[in-house]
Amino acid sequence: PLVLDLFSDGQNNKCPHFYTESDNALAQDWA
């Protein structure tokens, strides 16, 4: 199961948990 969408706009997320552009996924600890 995929539970975290790394690159979403807050409306097109495919997973219940997600990052948006304002979070900057490249600054986050995904693991």
PDB file of all heavy atoms in Angstrom:
ATOM      1  N   PRO A   1       0.813  -1.220   0.000  1.00  0.00           N
ATOM      2  CA  PRO A   1       0.000   0.000   0.000  1.00  0.00           C
ATOM      3  C   PRO A   1       0.848   1.272   0.000  1.00  0.00           C
ATOM      4  O   PRO A   1       1.858   1.345   0.698  1.00  0.00           O
ATOM      5  CB  PRO A   1      -0.805  -0.112   1.291  1.00  0.00           C
ATOM      6  CG  PRO A   1       0.084  -0.923   2.207  1.00  0.00           C
ATOM      7  CD  PRO A   1       0.774  -1.913   1.309  1.00  0.00           C
ATOM      8  N   LEU A   2       0.414   2.258  -0.782  1.00  0.00           N
ATOM      9  CA  LEU A   2       1.092   3.547  -0.880  1.00  0.00           C
ATOM     10  C   LEU A   2       0.295   4.562  -0.070  1.00  0.00           C
ATOM     11  O   LEU A   2      -0.888   4.778  -0.318  1.00  0.00           O
ATOM     12  CB  LEU A   2       1.205   3.970  -2.344  1.00  0.00           C
ATOM     13  CG  LEU A   2       1.921   2.955  -3.239  1.00  0.00           C
ATOM     14  CD1 LEU A   2       1.889   3.386  -4.695  1.00  0.00           C
ATOM     15  CD2 LEU A   2       3.364   2.737  -2.777  1.00  0.00           C
ATOM     16  N   VAL A   3       0.956   5.165   0.902  1.00  0.00           N
ATOM     17  CA  VAL A   3       0.245   5.988   1.886  1.00  0.00           C
ATOM     18  C   VAL A   3       0.703   7.445   1.904  1.00  0.00           C
ATOM     19  O   VAL A   3       0.080   8.277   2.560  1.00  0.00           O
ATOM     20  CB  VAL A   3       0.398   5.391   3.299  1.00  0.00           C
ATOM     21  CG1 VAL A   3      -0.245   4.007   3.361  1.00  0.00           C
ATOM     22  CG2 VAL A   3       1.867   5.305   3.717  1.00  0.00           C
ATOM     23  N   LEU A   4       1.795   7.756   1.207  1.00  0.00           N
ATOM     24  CA  LEU A   4       2.358   9.108   1.241  1.00  0.00           C
ATOM     25  C   LEU A   4       2.632   9.583  -0.178  1.00  0.00           C
ATOM     26  O   LEU A   4       3.429   8.977  -0.890  1.00  0.00           O
ATOM     27  CB  LEU A   4       3.660   9.116   2.055  1.00  0.00           C
ATOM     28  CG  LEU A   4       4.455  10.421   2.100  1.00  0.00           C
ATOM     29  CD1 LEU A   4       3.651  11.526   2.785  1.00  0.00           C
ATOM     30  CD2 LEU A   4       5.801  10.214   2.810  1.00  0.00           C
ATOM     31  N   ASP A   5       1.957  10.660  -0.602  1.00  0.00           N
ATOM     32  CA  ASP A   5       2.180  11.264  -1.920  1.00  0.00           C
ATOM     33  C   ASP A   5       3.243  12.345  -1.755  1.00  0.00           C
ATOM     34  O   ASP A   5       3.031  13.330  -1.037  1.00  0.00           O
ATOM     35  CB  ASP A   5       0.873  11.861  -2.454  1.00  0.00           C
ATOM     36  CG  ASP A   5       0.933  12.192  -3.938  1.00  0.00           C
ATOM     37  OD1 ASP A   5       2.024  12.551  -4.415  1.00  0.00           O
ATOM     38  OD2 ASP A   5      -0.104  12.108  -4.607  1.00  0.00           O
ATOM     39  N   LEU A   6       4.368  12.159  -2.419  1.00  0.00           N
ATOM     40  CA  LEU A   6       5.507  13.051  -2.212  1.00  0.00           C
ATOM     41  C   LEU A   6       5.371  14.391  -2.918  1.00  0.00           C
ATOM     42  O   LEU A   6       5.911  15.400  -2.456  1.00  0.00           O
ATOM     43  CB  LEU A   6       6.791  12.359  -2.684  1.00  0.00           C
ATOM     44  CG  LEU A   6       7.136  11.049  -1.971  1.00  0.00           C
ATOM     45  CD1 LEU A   6       8.356  10.408  -2.619  1.00  0.00           C
ATOM     46  CD2 LEU A   6       7.377  11.288  -0.489  1.00  0.00           C
ATOM     47  N   PHE A   7       4.659  14.428  -4.061  1.00  0.00           N
ATOM     48  CA  PHE A   7       4.573  15.660  -4.846  1.00  0.00           C
ATOM     49  C   PHE A   7       3.108  15.893  -5.259  1.00  0.00           C
ATOM     50  O   PHE A   7       2.675  15.411  -6.302  1.00  0.00           O
ATOM     51  CB  PHE A   7       5.453  15.580  -6.100  1.00  0.00           C
ATOM     52  CG  PHE A   7       6.913  15.356  -5.797  1.00  0.00           C
ATOM     53  CD1 PHE A   7       7.452  14.083  -5.795  1.00  0.00           C
ATOM     54  CD2 PHE A   7       7.751  16.425  -5.497  1.00  0.00           C
ATOM     55  CE1 PHE A   7       8.795  13.861  -5.513  1.00  0.00           C
ATOM     56  CE2 PHE A   7       9.091  16.225  -5.208  1.00  0.00           C
ATOM     57  CZ  PHE A   7       9.613  14.939  -5.221  1.00  0.00           C
ATOM     58  N   SER A   8       2.377  16.609  -4.439  1.00  0.00           N
ATOM     59  CA  SER A   8       0.982  16.898  -4.754  1.00  0.00           C
ATOM     60  C   SER A   8       0.741  18.403  -4.668  1.00  0.00           C
ATOM     61  O   SER A   8       1.588  19.157  -4.179  1.00  0.00           O
ATOM     62  CB  SER A   8       0.041  16.161  -3.789  1.00  0.00           C
ATOM     63  OG  SER A   8      -0.188  16.933  -2.631  1.00  0.00           O
ATOM     64  N   ASP A   9      -0.434  18.828  -5.141  1.00  0.00           N
ATOM     65  CA  ASP A   9      -0.791  20.243  -5.007  1.00  0.00           C
ATOM     66  C   ASP A   9      -1.846  20.449  -3.923  1.00  0.00           C
ATOM     67  O   ASP A   9      -2.422  21.521  -3.797  1.00  0.00           O
ATOM     68  CB  ASP A   9      -1.282  20.818  -6.345  1.00  0.00           C
ATOM     69  CG  ASP A   9      -2.573  20.185  -6.838  1.00  0.00           C
ATOM     70  OD1 ASP A   9      -3.176  19.384  -6.097  1.00  0.00           O
ATOM     71  OD2 ASP A   9      -2.984  20.501  -7.973  1.00  0.00           O
ATOM     72  N   GLY A  10      -2.086  19.398  -3.142  1.00  0.00           N
ATOM     73  CA  GLY A  10      -3.082  19.492  -2.083  1.00  0.00           C
ATOM     74  C   GLY A  10      -4.475  19.120  -2.533  1.00  0.00           C
ATOM     75  O   GLY A  10      -5.374  18.946  -1.708  1.00  0.00           O
ATOM     76  N   GLN A  11      -4.664  18.972  -3.862  1.00  0.00           N
ATOM     77  CA  GLN A  11      -5.964  18.576  -4.400  1.00  0.00           C
ATOM     78  C   GLN A  11      -5.861  17.301  -5.229  1.00  0.00           C
ATOM     79  O   GLN A  11      -6.830  16.548  -5.324  1.00  0.00           O
ATOM     80  CB  GLN A  11      -6.541  19.696  -5.277  1.00  0.00           C
ATOM     81  CG  GLN A  11      -6.839  20.978  -4.521  1.00  0.00           C
ATOM     82  CD  GLN A  11      -7.387  22.059  -5.440  1.00  0.00           C
ATOM     83  OE1 GLN A  11      -7.114  22.066  -6.638  1.00  0.00           O
ATOM     84  NE2 GLN A  11      -8.146  22.969  -4.868  1.00  0.00           N
ATOM     85  N   ASN A  12      -4.689  17.053  -5.806  1.00  0.00           N
ATOM     86  CA  ASN A  12      -4.538  15.891  -6.681  1.00  0.00           C
ATOM     87  C   ASN A  12      -3.820  14.729  -5.994  1.00  0.00           C
ATOM     88  O   ASN A  12      -3.364  13.803  -6.654  1.00  0.00           O
ATOM     89  CB  ASN A  12      -3.783  16.278  -7.961  1.00  0.00           C
ATOM     90  CG  ASN A  12      -2.358  16.738  -7.689  1.00  0.00           C
ATOM     91  OD1 ASN A  12      -1.884  16.739  -6.558  1.00  0.00           O
ATOM     92  ND2 ASN A  12      -1.660  17.126  -8.733  1.00  0.00           N
ATOM     93  N   ASN A  13      -3.717  14.777  -4.670  1.00  0.00           N
ATOM     94  CA  ASN A  13      -2.993  13.719  -3.953  1.00  0.00           C
ATOM     95  C   ASN A  13      -3.702  12.384  -4.120  1.00  0.00           C
ATOM     96  O   ASN A  13      -4.925  12.285  -4.125  1.00  0.00           O
ATOM     97  CB  ASN A  13      -2.862  14.067  -2.475  1.00  0.00           C
ATOM     98  CG  ASN A  13      -4.191  14.346  -1.805  1.00  0.00           C
ATOM     99  OD1 ASN A  13      -4.799  15.380  -2.083  1.00  0.00           O
ATOM    100  ND2 ASN A  13      -4.624  13.462  -0.932  1.00  0.00           N
ATOM    101  N   LYS A  14      -2.904  11.329  -4.258  1.00  0.00           N
ATOM    102  CA  LYS A  14      -3.416   9.972  -4.418  1.00  0.00           C
ATOM    103  C   LYS A  14      -3.381   9.186  -3.113  1.00  0.00           C
ATOM    104  O   LYS A  14      -3.931   8.082  -3.056  1.00  0.00           O
ATOM    105  CB  LYS A  14      -2.591   9.224  -5.474  1.00  0.00           C
ATOM    106  CG  LYS A  14      -2.573   9.896  -6.837  1.00  0.00           C
ATOM    107  CD  LYS A  14      -3.969  10.025  -7.421  1.00  0.00           C
ATOM    108  CE  LYS A  14      -3.943  10.661  -8.787  1.00  0.00           C
ATOM    109  NZ  LYS A  14      -5.308  10.880  -9.322  1.00  0.00           N
ATOM    110  N   CYS A  15      -2.755   9.729  -2.095  1.00  0.00           N
ATOM    111  CA  CYS A  15      -2.578   9.030  -0.829  1.00  0.00           C
ATOM    112  C   CYS A  15      -3.151   9.872   0.305  1.00  0.00           C
ATOM    113  O   CYS A  15      -3.267  11.104   0.176  1.00  0.00           O
ATOM    114  CB  CYS A  15      -1.093   8.767  -0.568  1.00  0.00           C
ATOM    115  SG  CYS A  15      -0.255   7.880  -1.903  1.00  0.00           S
ATOM    116  N   PRO A  16      -3.492   9.239   1.432  1.00  0.00           N
ATOM    117  CA  PRO A  16      -4.066  10.003   2.548  1.00  0.00           C
ATOM    118  C   PRO A  16      -3.101  11.002   3.172  1.00  0.00           C
ATOM    119  O   PRO A  16      -3.525  12.018   3.720  1.00  0.00           O
ATOM    120  CB  PRO A  16      -4.470   8.918   3.548  1.00  0.00           C
ATOM    121  CG  PRO A  16      -3.657   7.715   3.181  1.00  0.00           C
ATOM    122  CD  PRO A  16      -3.476   7.789   1.697  1.00  0.00           C
ATOM    123  N   HIS A  17      -1.814  10.737   3.068  1.00  0.00           N
ATOM    124  CA  HIS A  17      -0.796  11.668   3.560  1.00  0.00           C
ATOM    125  C   HIS A  17      -0.035  12.205   2.354  1.00  0.00           C
ATOM    126  O   HIS A  17       0.221  11.467   1.397  1.00  0.00           O
ATOM    127  CB  HIS A  17       0.161  10.970   4.515  1.00  0.00           C
ATOM    128  CG  HIS A  17      -0.521  10.324   5.685  1.00  0.00           C
ATOM    129  ND1 HIS A  17      -0.771  10.981   6.862  1.00  0.00           N
ATOM    130  CD2 HIS A  17      -1.037   9.059   5.840  1.00  0.00           C
ATOM    131  CE1 HIS A  17      -1.395  10.171   7.706  1.00  0.00           C
ATOM    132  NE2 HIS A  17      -1.567   9.003   7.107  1.00  0.00           N
ATOM    133  N   PHE A  18       0.346  13.479   2.398  1.00  0.00           N
ATOM    134  CA  PHE A  18       0.993  14.067   1.226  1.00  0.00           C
ATOM    135  C   PHE A  18       1.755  15.332   1.585  1.00  0.00           C
ATOM    136  O   PHE A  18       1.503  15.972   2.606  1.00  0.00           O
ATOM    137  CB  PHE A  18      -0.054  14.390   0.152  1.00  0.00           C
ATOM    138  CG  PHE A  18      -1.190  15.265   0.639  1.00  0.00           C
ATOM    139  CD1 PHE A  18      -1.113  16.652   0.583  1.00  0.00           C
ATOM    140  CD2 PHE A  18      -2.347  14.691   1.168  1.00  0.00           C
ATOM    141  CE1 PHE A  18      -2.149  17.444   1.039  1.00  0.00           C
ATOM    142  CE2 PHE A  18      -3.399  15.488   1.626  1.00  0.00           C
ATOM    143  CZ  PHE A  18      -3.293  16.871   1.557  1.00  0.00           C
ATOM    144  N   TYR A  19       2.721  15.651   0.697  1.00  0.00           N
ATOM    145  CA  TYR A  19       3.416  16.925   0.745  1.00  0.00           C
ATOM    146  C   TYR A  19       2.922  17.784  -0.415  1.00  0.00           C
ATOM    147  O   TYR A  19       2.597  17.267  -1.487  1.00  0.00           O
ATOM    148  CB  TYR A  19       4.934  16.741   0.582  1.00  0.00           C
ATOM    149  CG  TYR A  19       5.606  15.928   1.654  1.00  0.00           C
ATOM    150  CD1 TYR A  19       6.391  14.830   1.330  1.00  0.00           C
ATOM    151  CD2 TYR A  19       5.490  16.273   3.000  1.00  0.00           C
ATOM    152  CE1 TYR A  19       7.036  14.083   2.302  1.00  0.00           C
ATOM    153  CE2 TYR A  19       6.130  15.537   3.983  1.00  0.00           C
ATOM    154  CZ  TYR A  19       6.898  14.441   3.635  1.00  0.00           C
ATOM    155  OH  TYR A  19       7.528  13.706   4.602  1.00  0.00           O
ATOM    156  N   THR A  20       2.897  19.102  -0.199  1.00  0.00           N
ATOM    157  CA  THR A  20       2.582  20.033  -1.271  1.00  0.00           C
ATOM    158  C   THR A  20       3.831  20.836  -1.612  1.00  0.00           C
ATOM    159  O   THR A  20       4.875  20.689  -0.977  1.00  0.00           O
ATOM    160  CB  THR A  20       1.452  20.993  -0.857  1.00  0.00           C
ATOM    161  OG1 THR A  20       1.933  21.854   0.195  1.00  0.00           O
ATOM    162  CG2 THR A  20       0.230  20.230  -0.365  1.00  0.00           C
ATOM    163  N   GLU A  21       3.694  21.723  -2.601  1.00  0.00           N
ATOM    164  CA  GLU A  21       4.838  22.548  -2.996  1.00  0.00           C
ATOM    165  C   GLU A  21       5.353  23.385  -1.825  1.00  0.00           C
ATOM    166  O   GLU A  21       6.547  23.650  -1.710  1.00  0.00           O
ATOM    167  CB  GLU A  21       4.468  23.476  -4.154  1.00  0.00           C
ATOM    168  CG  GLU A  21       4.086  22.766  -5.438  1.00  0.00           C
ATOM    169  CD  GLU A  21       2.574  22.648  -5.594  1.00  0.00           C
ATOM    170  OE1 GLU A  21       1.857  22.681  -4.566  1.00  0.00           O
ATOM    171  OE2 GLU A  21       2.108  22.519  -6.748  1.00  0.00           O
ATOM    172  N   SER A  22       4.456  23.815  -0.951  1.00  0.00           N
ATOM    173  CA  SER A  22       4.873  24.657   0.172  1.00  0.00           C
ATOM    174  C   SER A  22       5.624  23.874   1.242  1.00  0.00           C
ATOM    175  O   SER A  22       6.296  24.469   2.099  1.00  0.00           O
ATOM    176  CB  SER A  22       3.663  25.361   0.800  1.00  0.00           C
ATOM    177  OG  SER A  22       2.738  24.417   1.298  1.00  0.00           O
ATOM    178  N   ASP A  23       5.517  22.539   1.209  1.00  0.00           N
ATOM    179  CA  ASP A  23       6.297  21.711   2.140  1.00  0.00           C
ATOM    180  C   ASP A  23       7.706  21.470   1.625  1.00  0.00           C
ATOM    181  O   ASP A  23       8.616  21.224   2.420  1.00  0.00           O
ATOM    182  CB  ASP A  23       5.618  20.342   2.337  1.00  0.00           C
ATOM    183  CG  ASP A  23       4.254  20.454   2.990  1.00  0.00           C
ATOM    184  OD1 ASP A  23       4.146  21.162   4.002  1.00  0.00           O
ATOM    185  OD2 ASP A  23       3.302  19.833   2.475  1.00  0.00           O
ATOM    186  N   ASN A  24       7.873  21.485   0.298  1.00  0.00           N
ATOM    187  CA  ASN A  24       9.128  21.128  -0.371  1.00  0.00           C
ATOM    188  C   ASN A  24       9.565  19.725   0.042  1.00  0.00           C
ATOM    189  O   ASN A  24      10.276  19.524   1.035  1.00  0.00           O
ATOM    190  CB  ASN A  24      10.245  22.123  -0.090  1.00  0.00           C
ATOM    191  CG  ASN A  24      11.511  21.787  -0.894  1.00  0.00           C
ATOM    192  OD1 ASN A  24      11.472  21.001  -1.831  1.00  0.00           O
ATOM    193  ND2 ASN A  24      12.627  22.390  -0.525  1.00  0.00           N
ATOM    194  N   ALA A  25       9.144  18.757  -0.741  1.00  0.00           N
ATOM    195  CA  ALA A  25       9.458  17.356  -0.442  1.00  0.00           C
ATOM    196  C   ALA A  25      10.952  17.104  -0.310  1.00  0.00           C
ATOM    197  O   ALA A  25      11.373  16.203   0.426  1.00  0.00           O
ATOM    198  CB  ALA A  25       8.875  16.448  -1.534  1.00  0.00           C
ATOM    199  N   LEU A  26      11.773  17.906  -1.006  1.00  0.00           N
ATOM    200  CA  LEU A  26      13.220  17.697  -0.952  1.00  0.00           C
ATOM    201  C   LEU A  26      13.830  18.157   0.368  1.00  0.00           C
ATOM    202  O   LEU A  26      15.018  17.925   0.617  1.00  0.00           O
ATOM    203  CB  LEU A  26      13.899  18.410  -2.123  1.00  0.00           C
ATOM    204  CG  LEU A  26      13.467  17.951  -3.515  1.00  0.00           C
ATOM    205  CD1 LEU A  26      14.357  18.578  -4.573  1.00  0.00           C
ATOM    206  CD2 LEU A  26      13.494  16.436  -3.634  1.00  0.00           C
ATOM    207  N   ALA A  27      13.023  18.792   1.207  1.00  0.00           N
ATOM    208  CA  ALA A  27      13.489  19.198   2.536  1.00  0.00           C
ATOM    209  C   ALA A  27      12.914  18.300   3.619  1.00  0.00           C
ATOM    210  O   ALA A  27      13.123  18.554   4.811  1.00  0.00           O
ATOM    211  CB  ALA A  27      13.094  20.650   2.807  1.00  0.00           C
ATOM    212  N   GLN A  28      12.211  17.234   3.219  1.00  0.00           N
ATOM    213  CA  GLN A  28      11.528  16.369   4.174  1.00  0.00           C
ATOM    214  C   GLN A  28      12.234  15.025   4.331  1.00  0.00           C
ATOM    215  O   GLN A  28      12.906  14.548   3.416  1.00  0.00           O
ATOM    216  CB  GLN A  28      10.084  16.124   3.714  1.00  0.00           C
ATOM    217  CG  GLN A  28       9.269  17.385   3.493  1.00  0.00           C
ATOM    218  CD  GLN A  28       9.071  18.199   4.758  1.00  0.00           C
ATOM    219  OE1 GLN A  28       8.999  17.652   5.863  1.00  0.00           O
ATOM    220  NE2 GLN A  28       8.990  19.514   4.611  1.00  0.00           N
ATOM    221  N   ASP A  29      12.051  14.431   5.496  1.00  0.00           N
ATOM    222  CA  ASP A  29      12.569  13.088   5.782  1.00  0.00           C
ATOM    223  C   ASP A  29      11.448  12.092   5.506  1.00  0.00           C
ATOM    224  O   ASP A  29      10.603  11.835   6.360  1.00  0.00           O
ATOM    225  CB  ASP A  29      13.022  13.013   7.243  1.00  0.00           C
ATOM    226  CG  ASP A  29      13.776  11.710   7.550  1.00  0.00           C
ATOM    227  OD1 ASP A  29      13.458  10.676   6.917  1.00  0.00           O
ATOM    228  OD2 ASP A  29      14.651  11.724   8.429  1.00  0.00           O
ATOM    229  N   TRP A  30      11.437  11.539   4.290  1.00  0.00           N
ATOM    230  CA  TRP A  30      10.360  10.634   3.885  1.00  0.00           C
ATOM    231  C   TRP A  30      10.354   9.359   4.719  1.00  0.00           C
ATOM    232  O   TRP A  30       9.283   8.865   5.096  1.00  0.00           O
ATOM    233  CB  TRP A  30      10.498  10.266   2.408  1.00  0.00           C
ATOM    234  CG  TRP A  30      10.603  11.422   1.471  1.00  0.00           C
ATOM    235  CD1 TRP A  30      10.313  12.737   1.727  1.00  0.00           C
ATOM    236  CD2 TRP A  30      11.041  11.368   0.110  1.00  0.00           C
ATOM    237  NE1 TRP A  30      10.546  13.499   0.606  1.00  0.00           N
ATOM    238  CE2 TRP A  30      10.998  12.699  -0.393  1.00  0.00           C
ATOM    239  CE3 TRP A  30      11.477  10.343  -0.725  1.00  0.00           C
ATOM    240  CZ2 TRP A  30      11.362  13.007  -1.720  1.00  0.00           C
ATOM    241  CZ3 TRP A  30      11.838  10.638  -2.036  1.00  0.00           C
ATOM    242  CH2 TRP A  30      11.773  11.962  -2.525  1.00  0.00           C
ATOM    243  N   ALA A  31      11.525   8.816   4.980  1.00  0.00           N
ATOM    244  CA  ALA A  31      11.615   7.567   5.726  1.00  0.00           C
ATOM    245  C   ALA A  31      11.032   7.732   7.127  1.00  0.00           C
ATOM    246  O   ALA A  31      10.293   6.869   7.617  1.00  0.00           O
ATOM    247  CB  ALA A  31      13.068   7.100   5.803  1.00  0.00           C
TER     248      ALA A  31
END
